[in-house]
Amino acid sequence: MIARIAEAETEGWLREVEGLQVSLAGAEEKLRQLDRGHGQHTAVDLGIPTTRGDR
């Protein structure tokens, strides 16, 4: 994405630069959220599996 921003700047595509920078900021924020959540897993109860005859 950084290379795309550089290309857009070189070509003078100002609106494209703006959009890519917003996308990059969003992606970086999502990565930060994922890093902060690393190791914080929550158990989910999936119940006890049954066969069709058990119903």
C-alpha atoms as a PDB file:
ATOM      1  CA  MET A   1       0.000   0.000   0.000  1.00  0.00           C
ATOM      2  CA  ILE A   2       2.910   2.320   0.730  1.00  0.00           C
ATOM      3  CA  ALA A   3       4.218   1.728  -2.786  1.00  0.00           C
ATOM      4  CA  ARG A   4       0.771   2.550  -4.199  1.00  0.00           C
ATOM      5  CA  ILE A   5       0.736   5.817  -2.235  1.00  0.00           C
ATOM      6  CA  ALA A   6       4.185   6.697  -3.589  1.00  0.00           C
ATOM      7  CA  GLU A   7       3.029   5.936  -7.148  1.00  0.00           C
ATOM      8  CA  ALA A   8      -0.107   8.039  -6.715  1.00  0.00           C
ATOM      9  CA  GLU A   9       1.986  10.929  -5.378  1.00  0.00           C
ATOM     10  CA  THR A  10       4.391  10.631  -8.328  1.00  0.00           C
ATOM     11  CA  GLU A  11       1.495  10.624 -10.794  1.00  0.00           C
ATOM     12  CA  GLY A  12      -0.245  13.523  -9.060  1.00  0.00           C
ATOM     13  CA  TRP A  13      -3.367  11.518  -8.210  1.00  0.00           C
ATOM     14  CA  LEU A  14      -4.226  13.553  -5.115  1.00  0.00           C
ATOM     15  CA  ARG A  15      -7.608  11.980  -4.382  1.00  0.00           C
ATOM     16  CA  GLU A  16      -6.091   8.520  -4.785  1.00  0.00           C
ATOM     17  CA  VAL A  17      -3.319   9.461  -2.328  1.00  0.00           C
ATOM     18  CA  GLU A  18      -5.933  10.624   0.151  1.00  0.00           C
ATOM     19  CA  GLY A  19      -7.970   7.434  -0.124  1.00  0.00           C
ATOM     20  CA  LEU A  20      -4.943   5.186   0.147  1.00  0.00           C
ATOM     21  CA  GLN A  21      -3.704   7.028   3.220  1.00  0.00           C
ATOM     22  CA  VAL A  22      -7.092   6.555   4.884  1.00  0.00           C
ATOM     23  CA  SER A  23      -7.022   2.850   3.990  1.00  0.00           C
ATOM     24  CA  LEU A  24      -3.472   2.482   5.288  1.00  0.00           C
ATOM     25  CA  ALA A  25      -4.368   4.181   8.576  1.00  0.00           C
ATOM     26  CA  GLY A  26      -7.355   1.849   8.967  1.00  0.00           C
ATOM     27  CA  ALA A  27      -5.233  -1.236   8.251  1.00  0.00           C
ATOM     28  CA  GLU A  28      -2.559  -0.113  10.718  1.00  0.00           C
ATOM     29  CA  GLU A  29      -5.204   0.475  13.405  1.00  0.00           C
ATOM     30  CA  LYS A  30      -6.703  -2.967  12.800  1.00  0.00           C
ATOM     31  CA  LEU A  31      -3.240  -4.535  13.181  1.00  0.00           C
ATOM     32  CA  ARG A  32      -2.746  -2.648  16.466  1.00  0.00           C
ATOM     33  CA  GLN A  33      -6.101  -3.952  17.709  1.00  0.00           C
ATOM     34  CA  LEU A  34      -5.127  -7.497  16.791  1.00  0.00           C
ATOM     35  CA  ASP A  35      -1.764  -7.115  18.550  1.00  0.00           C
ATOM     36  CA  ARG A  36      -3.443  -5.808  21.709  1.00  0.00           C
ATOM     37  CA  GLY A  37      -5.890  -8.712  21.689  1.00  0.00           C
ATOM     38  CA  HIS A  38      -3.194 -11.349  21.221  1.00  0.00           C
ATOM     39  CA  GLY A  39      -3.374 -13.946  23.946  1.00  0.00           C
ATOM     40  CA  GLN A  40      -6.815 -12.914  25.148  1.00  0.00           C
ATOM     41  CA  HIS A  41      -8.859 -15.879  24.017  1.00  0.00           C
ATOM     42  CA  THR A  42     -12.344 -16.598  25.248  1.00  0.00           C
ATOM     43  CA  ALA A  43     -13.721 -20.104  25.589  1.00  0.00           C
ATOM     44  CA  VAL A  44     -16.849 -20.857  23.622  1.00  0.00           C
ATOM     45  CA  ASP A  45     -19.215 -23.639  24.682  1.00  0.00           C
ATOM     46  CA  LEU A  46     -20.061 -25.658  21.588  1.00  0.00           C
ATOM     47  CA  GLY A  47     -22.252 -28.141  23.451  1.00  0.00           C
ATOM     48  CA  ILE A  48     -22.072 -31.915  23.307  1.00  0.00           C
ATOM     49  CA  PRO A  49     -22.212 -33.466  19.843  1.00  0.00           C
ATOM     50  CA  THR A  50     -25.053 -35.895  19.198  1.00  0.00           C
ATOM     51  CA  THR A  51     -25.873 -38.351  16.464  1.00  0.00           C
ATOM     52  CA  ARG A  52     -29.178 -38.310  14.639  1.00  0.00           C
ATOM     53  CA  GLY A  53     -30.471 -41.190  16.788  1.00  0.00           C
ATOM     54  CA  ASP A  54     -29.835 -39.233  20.029  1.00  0.00           C
ATOM     55  CA  ARG A  55     -32.423 -36.559  19.317  1.00  0.00           C
END
